[in-house]
N, C-alpha and C. Protein backbone atom coordinates (compact mmCIF):
# COMPACT_ATOMS: atom_id res chain seq x y z
N MET A 1 59.36 5.72 37.35
CA MET A 1 59.52 6.93 38.12
C MET A 1 58.23 7.28 38.87
N HIS A 2 57.13 7.05 38.23
CA HIS A 2 55.84 7.38 38.84
C HIS A 2 55.66 6.62 40.14
N TYR A 3 55.96 5.34 40.14
CA TYR A 3 55.77 4.54 41.34
C TYR A 3 56.79 4.88 42.42
N ALA A 4 57.97 5.31 42.02
CA ALA A 4 58.97 5.71 43.01
C ALA A 4 58.50 6.96 43.74
N GLY A 5 57.91 7.90 43.03
CA GLY A 5 57.36 9.10 43.66
C GLY A 5 56.21 8.77 44.58
N TRP A 6 55.33 7.89 44.10
CA TRP A 6 54.19 7.46 44.92
C TRP A 6 54.70 6.78 46.20
N GLY A 7 55.68 5.92 46.06
CA GLY A 7 56.24 5.22 47.22
C GLY A 7 56.91 6.17 48.20
N ALA A 8 57.62 7.16 47.68
CA ALA A 8 58.29 8.12 48.56
C ALA A 8 57.26 8.95 49.33
N ILE A 9 56.21 9.39 48.63
CA ILE A 9 55.17 10.18 49.30
C ILE A 9 54.44 9.33 50.33
N SER A 10 54.14 8.09 49.99
CA SER A 10 53.46 7.20 50.93
C SER A 10 54.33 6.94 52.16
N SER A 11 55.61 6.74 51.94
CA SER A 11 56.52 6.50 53.07
C SER A 11 56.68 7.75 53.93
N ALA A 12 56.62 8.91 53.31
CA ALA A 12 56.78 10.15 54.06
C ALA A 12 55.63 10.36 55.04
N ASN A 13 54.50 9.71 54.82
CA ASN A 13 53.37 9.82 55.74
C ASN A 13 53.73 9.29 57.14
N ALA A 14 54.72 8.43 57.22
CA ALA A 14 55.12 7.90 58.53
C ALA A 14 55.79 8.97 59.40
N PHE A 15 56.26 10.05 58.78
CA PHE A 15 57.00 11.08 59.50
C PHE A 15 56.18 12.35 59.73
N VAL A 16 54.90 12.30 59.45
CA VAL A 16 54.03 13.47 59.62
C VAL A 16 53.90 13.80 61.10
N GLN A 17 54.04 15.09 61.41
CA GLN A 17 53.91 15.53 62.79
C GLN A 17 52.85 16.60 62.99
N THR A 18 52.47 17.29 61.94
CA THR A 18 51.47 18.36 62.07
C THR A 18 50.33 18.10 61.09
N PRO A 19 49.17 18.66 61.36
CA PRO A 19 48.05 18.51 60.43
C PRO A 19 48.37 19.08 59.04
N MET A 20 49.11 20.19 58.97
CA MET A 20 49.43 20.78 57.66
C MET A 20 50.32 19.84 56.85
N GLN A 21 51.26 19.18 57.48
CA GLN A 21 52.10 18.20 56.78
C GLN A 21 51.24 17.06 56.24
N PHE A 22 50.29 16.64 57.04
CA PHE A 22 49.38 15.57 56.62
C PHE A 22 48.58 16.00 55.39
N TYR A 23 48.02 17.21 55.43
CA TYR A 23 47.22 17.69 54.30
C TYR A 23 48.05 17.83 53.04
N VAL A 24 49.26 18.34 53.18
CA VAL A 24 50.13 18.51 52.01
C VAL A 24 50.50 17.16 51.42
N LEU A 25 50.88 16.21 52.27
CA LEU A 25 51.25 14.89 51.76
C LEU A 25 50.06 14.16 51.14
N ARG A 26 48.89 14.30 51.73
CA ARG A 26 47.70 13.65 51.14
C ARG A 26 47.37 14.27 49.78
N PHE A 27 47.55 15.59 49.65
CA PHE A 27 47.33 16.23 48.36
C PHE A 27 48.33 15.71 47.33
N LEU A 28 49.60 15.66 47.71
CA LEU A 28 50.63 15.16 46.79
C LEU A 28 50.40 13.70 46.43
N LEU A 29 49.92 12.92 47.38
CA LEU A 29 49.62 11.52 47.09
C LEU A 29 48.47 11.43 46.09
N GLY A 30 47.47 12.28 46.24
CA GLY A 30 46.38 12.33 45.28
C GLY A 30 46.86 12.70 43.89
N VAL A 31 47.79 13.65 43.81
CA VAL A 31 48.36 14.03 42.52
C VAL A 31 49.11 12.85 41.91
N ALA A 32 49.86 12.13 42.74
CA ALA A 32 50.62 10.98 42.24
C ALA A 32 49.70 9.86 41.77
N GLU A 33 48.54 9.71 42.41
CA GLU A 33 47.62 8.63 42.05
C GLU A 33 46.64 9.02 40.95
N ALA A 34 46.61 10.28 40.58
CA ALA A 34 45.60 10.78 39.65
C ALA A 34 45.64 10.07 38.29
N GLY A 35 46.79 9.65 37.86
CA GLY A 35 46.90 9.00 36.56
C GLY A 35 46.63 7.51 36.57
N PHE A 36 46.46 6.92 37.73
CA PHE A 36 46.29 5.47 37.79
C PHE A 36 44.98 5.02 37.15
N PHE A 37 43.87 5.64 37.54
CA PHE A 37 42.57 5.19 37.05
C PHE A 37 42.44 5.36 35.53
N PRO A 38 42.73 6.54 34.97
CA PRO A 38 42.63 6.64 33.51
C PRO A 38 43.61 5.72 32.78
N GLY A 39 44.78 5.53 33.40
CA GLY A 39 45.75 4.62 32.79
C GLY A 39 45.26 3.18 32.76
N MET A 40 44.62 2.75 33.83
CA MET A 40 44.07 1.38 33.87
C MET A 40 42.93 1.22 32.87
N ILE A 41 42.08 2.22 32.74
CA ILE A 41 41.00 2.15 31.77
C ILE A 41 41.58 2.06 30.36
N LEU A 42 42.59 2.85 30.07
CA LEU A 42 43.25 2.78 28.76
C LEU A 42 43.87 1.40 28.55
N TYR A 43 44.57 0.89 29.56
CA TYR A 43 45.20 -0.41 29.46
C TYR A 43 44.16 -1.52 29.22
N LEU A 44 43.05 -1.47 29.95
CA LEU A 44 42.00 -2.47 29.76
C LEU A 44 41.39 -2.38 28.36
N SER A 45 41.25 -1.17 27.85
CA SER A 45 40.66 -1.01 26.51
C SER A 45 41.60 -1.52 25.42
N ILE A 46 42.88 -1.48 25.68
CA ILE A 46 43.84 -1.99 24.69
C ILE A 46 43.98 -3.51 24.82
N TRP A 47 43.98 -4.01 26.04
CA TRP A 47 44.27 -5.42 26.29
C TRP A 47 43.12 -6.35 25.91
N PHE A 48 41.90 -5.98 26.28
CA PHE A 48 40.76 -6.87 26.07
C PHE A 48 40.04 -6.56 24.77
N PRO A 49 39.55 -7.60 24.08
CA PRO A 49 38.76 -7.37 22.87
C PRO A 49 37.47 -6.61 23.20
N GLN A 50 36.90 -5.98 22.19
CA GLN A 50 35.73 -5.15 22.39
C GLN A 50 34.58 -5.90 23.05
N ALA A 51 34.42 -7.17 22.74
CA ALA A 51 33.31 -7.94 23.31
C ALA A 51 33.44 -8.13 24.82
N TYR A 52 34.64 -8.08 25.37
CA TYR A 52 34.87 -8.30 26.80
C TYR A 52 35.17 -7.01 27.56
N ARG A 53 35.35 -5.93 26.85
CA ARG A 53 35.82 -4.69 27.45
C ARG A 53 34.92 -4.17 28.57
N ALA A 54 33.63 -4.14 28.33
CA ALA A 54 32.70 -3.61 29.33
C ALA A 54 32.71 -4.47 30.59
N ARG A 55 32.79 -5.77 30.43
CA ARG A 55 32.78 -6.67 31.58
C ARG A 55 34.00 -6.44 32.47
N PHE A 56 35.18 -6.39 31.86
CA PHE A 56 36.39 -6.25 32.66
C PHE A 56 36.56 -4.84 33.20
N THR A 57 36.05 -3.85 32.49
CA THR A 57 36.07 -2.49 33.03
C THR A 57 35.15 -2.40 34.25
N ALA A 58 33.99 -3.04 34.18
CA ALA A 58 33.07 -3.04 35.33
C ALA A 58 33.68 -3.78 36.50
N ILE A 59 34.36 -4.88 36.26
CA ILE A 59 35.03 -5.62 37.33
C ILE A 59 36.10 -4.75 37.98
N PHE A 60 36.86 -4.04 37.17
CA PHE A 60 37.89 -3.15 37.71
C PHE A 60 37.25 -2.04 38.54
N MET A 61 36.19 -1.46 38.03
CA MET A 61 35.56 -0.33 38.73
C MET A 61 34.91 -0.76 40.05
N THR A 62 34.45 -1.97 40.14
CA THR A 62 33.84 -2.42 41.39
C THR A 62 34.83 -3.17 42.27
N ALA A 63 36.03 -3.37 41.81
CA ALA A 63 37.09 -4.03 42.55
C ALA A 63 36.68 -5.45 42.97
N VAL A 64 36.00 -6.14 42.07
CA VAL A 64 35.60 -7.51 42.32
C VAL A 64 36.48 -8.41 41.47
N ARG A 65 36.98 -9.46 42.07
CA ARG A 65 37.83 -10.40 41.34
C ARG A 65 36.97 -11.20 40.40
N SER A 66 37.43 -11.34 39.16
CA SER A 66 36.67 -12.14 38.20
C SER A 66 36.84 -13.62 38.51
N PRO A 67 35.81 -14.41 38.26
CA PRO A 67 35.92 -15.85 38.54
C PRO A 67 36.93 -16.50 37.59
N PRO A 68 37.58 -17.54 38.04
CA PRO A 68 38.59 -18.20 37.20
C PRO A 68 38.01 -18.91 35.99
């Protein structure tokens, strides 16, 4: 459901005609995306062992692809 709302808000940006509509949709998009970062940090902390956690969290935070 979360991604459906995000997708709907993102798609609605194509129909913006006034600055106020733009500001409202950007605010709503921010609300929809607000849970992504903490959720990814939680997911990384559960998925990776403690010895690798800092490395993969840093890679996620800098948006750098880890080497194969």
